[in-house]
N, C-alpha and C. Protein backbone atom coordinates (compact mmCIF):
# COMPACT_ATOMS: atom_id res chain seq x y z
N UNK A 1 40.56 -7.15 1.84
CA UNK A 1 40.19 -5.77 1.71
C UNK A 1 40.54 -5.25 0.32
N UNK A 2 41.69 -5.65 -0.18
CA UNK A 2 42.11 -5.18 -1.50
C UNK A 2 41.15 -5.65 -2.58
N UNK A 3 40.61 -6.85 -2.44
CA UNK A 3 39.67 -7.34 -3.45
C UNK A 3 38.38 -6.52 -3.49
N UNK A 4 38.02 -5.90 -2.38
CA UNK A 4 36.82 -5.10 -2.31
C UNK A 4 37.06 -3.64 -2.69
N UNK A 5 38.30 -3.23 -2.81
CA UNK A 5 38.61 -1.82 -3.04
C UNK A 5 38.16 -1.35 -4.41
N UNK A 6 37.68 -0.10 -4.44
CA UNK A 6 37.28 0.50 -5.70
C UNK A 6 38.50 1.08 -6.41
N UNK A 7 38.27 1.80 -7.49
CA UNK A 7 39.39 2.33 -8.28
C UNK A 7 40.17 3.41 -7.53
N UNK A 8 39.65 3.85 -6.38
CA UNK A 8 40.35 4.84 -5.56
C UNK A 8 41.11 4.17 -4.41
N UNK A 9 41.02 2.86 -4.33
CA UNK A 9 41.69 2.12 -3.27
C UNK A 9 40.87 2.02 -1.99
N UNK A 10 39.60 2.42 -2.02
CA UNK A 10 38.76 2.41 -0.82
C UNK A 10 37.84 1.19 -0.78
N UNK A 11 37.65 0.68 0.41
CA UNK A 11 36.75 -0.46 0.62
C UNK A 11 36.03 -0.27 1.94
N UNK A 12 34.77 -0.68 1.99
CA UNK A 12 34.03 -0.73 3.24
C UNK A 12 34.18 -2.14 3.78
N UNK A 13 34.68 -2.24 5.01
CA UNK A 13 35.00 -3.54 5.61
C UNK A 13 34.26 -3.68 6.92
N UNK A 14 33.53 -4.77 7.08
CA UNK A 14 32.90 -5.10 8.34
C UNK A 14 33.85 -6.00 9.11
N UNK A 15 34.23 -5.58 10.30
CA UNK A 15 35.24 -6.30 11.07
C UNK A 15 34.81 -7.72 11.44
N UNK A 16 33.54 -7.91 11.80
CA UNK A 16 33.08 -9.26 12.14
C UNK A 16 33.12 -10.19 10.93
N UNK A 17 32.67 -9.68 9.78
CA UNK A 17 32.73 -10.49 8.56
C UNK A 17 34.16 -10.82 8.18
N UNK A 18 35.04 -9.85 8.31
CA UNK A 18 36.45 -10.08 8.01
C UNK A 18 37.03 -11.14 8.93
N UNK A 19 36.66 -11.08 10.21
CA UNK A 19 37.11 -12.09 11.17
C UNK A 19 36.66 -13.49 10.79
N UNK A 20 35.40 -13.61 10.38
CA UNK A 20 34.88 -14.93 9.97
C UNK A 20 35.63 -15.43 8.73
N UNK A 21 35.85 -14.56 7.77
CA UNK A 21 36.54 -14.97 6.54
C UNK A 21 37.98 -15.39 6.81
N UNK A 22 38.60 -14.76 7.81
CA UNK A 22 40.01 -15.04 8.12
C UNK A 22 40.18 -16.01 9.29
N UNK A 23 39.05 -16.49 9.85
CA UNK A 23 39.09 -17.37 11.01
C UNK A 23 39.86 -16.73 12.16
N UNK A 24 39.49 -15.47 12.45
CA UNK A 24 40.15 -14.70 13.50
C UNK A 24 39.08 -14.10 14.41
N UNK A 25 39.46 -13.85 15.66
CA UNK A 25 38.58 -13.14 16.58
C UNK A 25 38.57 -11.67 16.20
N UNK A 26 37.61 -10.94 16.75
CA UNK A 26 37.53 -9.51 16.50
C UNK A 26 38.80 -8.81 17.00
N UNK A 27 39.31 -9.24 18.13
CA UNK A 27 40.55 -8.65 18.67
C UNK A 27 41.73 -8.92 17.75
N UNK A 28 41.81 -10.13 17.19
CA UNK A 28 42.89 -10.46 16.26
C UNK A 28 42.80 -9.65 14.98
N UNK A 29 41.58 -9.43 14.51
CA UNK A 29 41.38 -8.61 13.31
C UNK A 29 41.86 -7.19 13.58
N UNK A 30 41.51 -6.65 14.75
CA UNK A 30 41.93 -5.29 15.09
C UNK A 30 43.45 -5.18 15.18
N UNK A 31 44.09 -6.19 15.77
CA UNK A 31 45.56 -6.19 15.85
C UNK A 31 46.17 -6.23 14.45
N UNK A 32 45.63 -7.09 13.60
CA UNK A 32 46.14 -7.18 12.22
C UNK A 32 45.94 -5.86 11.48
N UNK A 33 44.78 -5.24 11.67
CA UNK A 33 44.52 -3.96 11.03
C UNK A 33 45.46 -2.87 11.56
N UNK A 34 45.70 -2.88 12.85
CA UNK A 34 46.66 -1.93 13.44
C UNK A 34 48.05 -2.12 12.85
N UNK A 35 48.46 -3.38 12.67
CA UNK A 35 49.77 -3.66 12.08
C UNK A 35 49.84 -3.19 10.63
N UNK A 36 48.77 -3.43 9.86
CA UNK A 36 48.73 -2.98 8.46
C UNK A 36 48.75 -1.45 8.37
N UNK A 37 48.09 -0.81 9.32
CA UNK A 37 48.10 0.65 9.35
C UNK A 37 49.50 1.17 9.70
N UNK A 38 50.13 0.54 10.69
CA UNK A 38 51.46 0.97 11.12
C UNK A 38 52.51 0.81 10.02
N UNK A 39 52.34 -0.19 9.17
CA UNK A 39 53.31 -0.40 8.09
C UNK A 39 52.95 0.37 6.82
N UNK A 40 51.83 1.09 6.85
CA UNK A 40 51.46 1.90 5.70
C UNK A 40 50.75 1.16 4.59
N UNK A 41 50.31 -0.05 4.86
CA UNK A 41 49.60 -0.82 3.83
C UNK A 41 48.16 -0.35 3.66
N UNK A 42 47.55 0.12 4.75
CA UNK A 42 46.18 0.61 4.70
C UNK A 42 46.07 1.84 5.61
N UNK A 43 45.01 2.61 5.40
CA UNK A 43 44.65 3.66 6.35
C UNK A 43 43.14 3.58 6.57
N UNK A 44 42.74 3.81 7.81
CA UNK A 44 41.32 3.81 8.15
C UNK A 44 40.86 5.25 8.02
N UNK A 45 39.87 5.48 7.16
CA UNK A 45 39.42 6.84 6.87
C UNK A 45 38.05 7.15 7.44
N UNK A 46 37.40 6.18 8.06
CA UNK A 46 36.11 6.41 8.68
C UNK A 46 35.62 5.15 9.35
N UNK A 47 34.69 5.32 10.29
CA UNK A 47 34.14 4.16 11.00
C UNK A 47 32.70 4.42 11.37
N UNK A 48 31.87 3.40 11.20
CA UNK A 48 30.48 3.40 11.68
C UNK A 48 30.24 2.03 12.28
N UNK A 49 30.21 1.97 13.60
CA UNK A 49 30.04 0.68 14.28
C UNK A 49 31.21 -0.23 13.95
N UNK A 50 30.90 -1.43 13.43
CA UNK A 50 31.94 -2.39 13.06
C UNK A 50 32.38 -2.24 11.60
N UNK A 51 31.83 -1.26 10.90
CA UNK A 51 32.22 -1.07 9.50
C UNK A 51 33.23 0.06 9.39
N UNK A 52 34.28 -0.20 8.64
CA UNK A 52 35.34 0.77 8.43
C UNK A 52 35.43 1.14 6.96
N UNK A 53 35.79 2.39 6.70
CA UNK A 53 36.19 2.80 5.37
C UNK A 53 37.70 2.73 5.37
N UNK A 54 38.25 1.83 4.58
CA UNK A 54 39.69 1.57 4.56
C UNK A 54 40.23 1.91 3.18
N UNK A 55 41.36 2.62 3.14
CA UNK A 55 42.05 2.85 1.88
C UNK A 55 43.23 1.89 1.83
N UNK A 56 43.27 1.12 0.77
CA UNK A 56 44.31 0.11 0.59
C UNK A 56 45.37 0.66 -0.34
N UNK A 57 46.62 0.46 -0.01
CA UNK A 57 47.71 0.92 -0.84
C UNK A 57 48.43 -0.28 -1.46
N UNK A 58 47.83 -0.87 -2.50
CA UNK A 58 48.47 -2.03 -3.14
C UNK A 58 49.67 -1.59 -3.97
N UNK A 59 50.43 -2.57 -4.43
CA UNK A 59 51.63 -2.26 -5.21
C UNK A 59 51.28 -1.63 -6.56
N UNK A 60 50.08 -1.92 -7.08
CA UNK A 60 49.69 -1.25 -8.33
C UNK A 60 49.09 0.12 -8.02
N UNK A 61 49.05 0.96 -9.01
CA UNK A 61 48.52 2.30 -8.79
C UNK A 61 47.01 2.30 -8.98
N UNK A 62 46.35 3.22 -8.33
CA UNK A 62 44.92 3.38 -8.49
C UNK A 62 44.63 4.84 -8.79
N UNK A 63 43.43 5.09 -9.22
CA UNK A 63 42.99 6.43 -9.59
C UNK A 63 43.04 7.34 -8.37
N UNK A 64 43.87 8.38 -8.39
CA UNK A 64 43.87 9.29 -7.25
C UNK A 64 42.56 10.07 -7.19
N UNK A 65 42.20 10.48 -6.02
CA UNK A 65 40.97 11.25 -5.88
C UNK A 65 40.14 10.76 -4.73
N UNK A 66 38.90 11.16 -4.71
CA UNK A 66 38.02 10.84 -3.61
C UNK A 66 37.02 9.76 -4.01
N UNK A 67 37.00 8.68 -3.28
CA UNK A 67 36.09 7.59 -3.55
C UNK A 67 34.66 7.98 -3.22
N UNK A 68 33.70 7.56 -4.04
CA UNK A 68 32.30 7.80 -3.69
C UNK A 68 31.87 7.07 -2.42
N UNK A 69 32.64 6.07 -1.98
CA UNK A 69 32.32 5.36 -0.74
C UNK A 69 32.39 6.27 0.47
N UNK A 70 33.16 7.36 0.38
CA UNK A 70 33.27 8.30 1.50
C UNK A 70 31.92 8.87 1.90
N UNK A 71 30.99 8.98 0.95
CA UNK A 71 29.66 9.53 1.24
C UNK A 71 28.95 8.68 2.28
N UNK A 72 29.22 7.40 2.33
CA UNK A 72 28.59 6.52 3.30
C UNK A 72 29.03 6.82 4.72
N UNK A 73 30.16 7.50 4.86
CA UNK A 73 30.76 7.74 6.18
C UNK A 73 30.68 9.21 6.58
N UNK A 74 29.79 9.94 5.96
CA UNK A 74 29.60 11.34 6.33
C UNK A 74 30.64 12.25 5.72
N UNK A 75 30.57 13.48 6.07
CA UNK A 75 31.42 14.51 5.46
C UNK A 75 32.89 14.33 5.75
N UNK A 76 33.24 14.22 7.02
CA UNK A 76 34.66 14.22 7.37
C UNK A 76 35.32 12.88 7.32
N UNK A 77 34.55 11.80 7.43
CA UNK A 77 35.15 10.48 7.45
C UNK A 77 35.91 10.18 8.71
N UNK A 78 35.77 11.02 9.71
CA UNK A 78 36.49 10.80 10.96
C UNK A 78 35.80 9.71 11.75
N UNK A 79 36.59 8.89 12.42
CA UNK A 79 35.97 7.83 13.21
C UNK A 79 36.68 7.60 14.42
């Protein structure tokens, strides 16, 4: 996810594709994502089907502000 993130730390992630890349089931991907969210490594800012708008909080700093990727997930980004 971090490799896909823009300068705002946002990435659009398809859960099935992520599962294939990581050799994980969809349920395992969701558990891993829940764990990353609980530890503050990522936050899910929107969802459309199996695609999520995820903000990644890497150790390096990124440009604060609003990612243009949010437009893909509607106004509120709620999912």
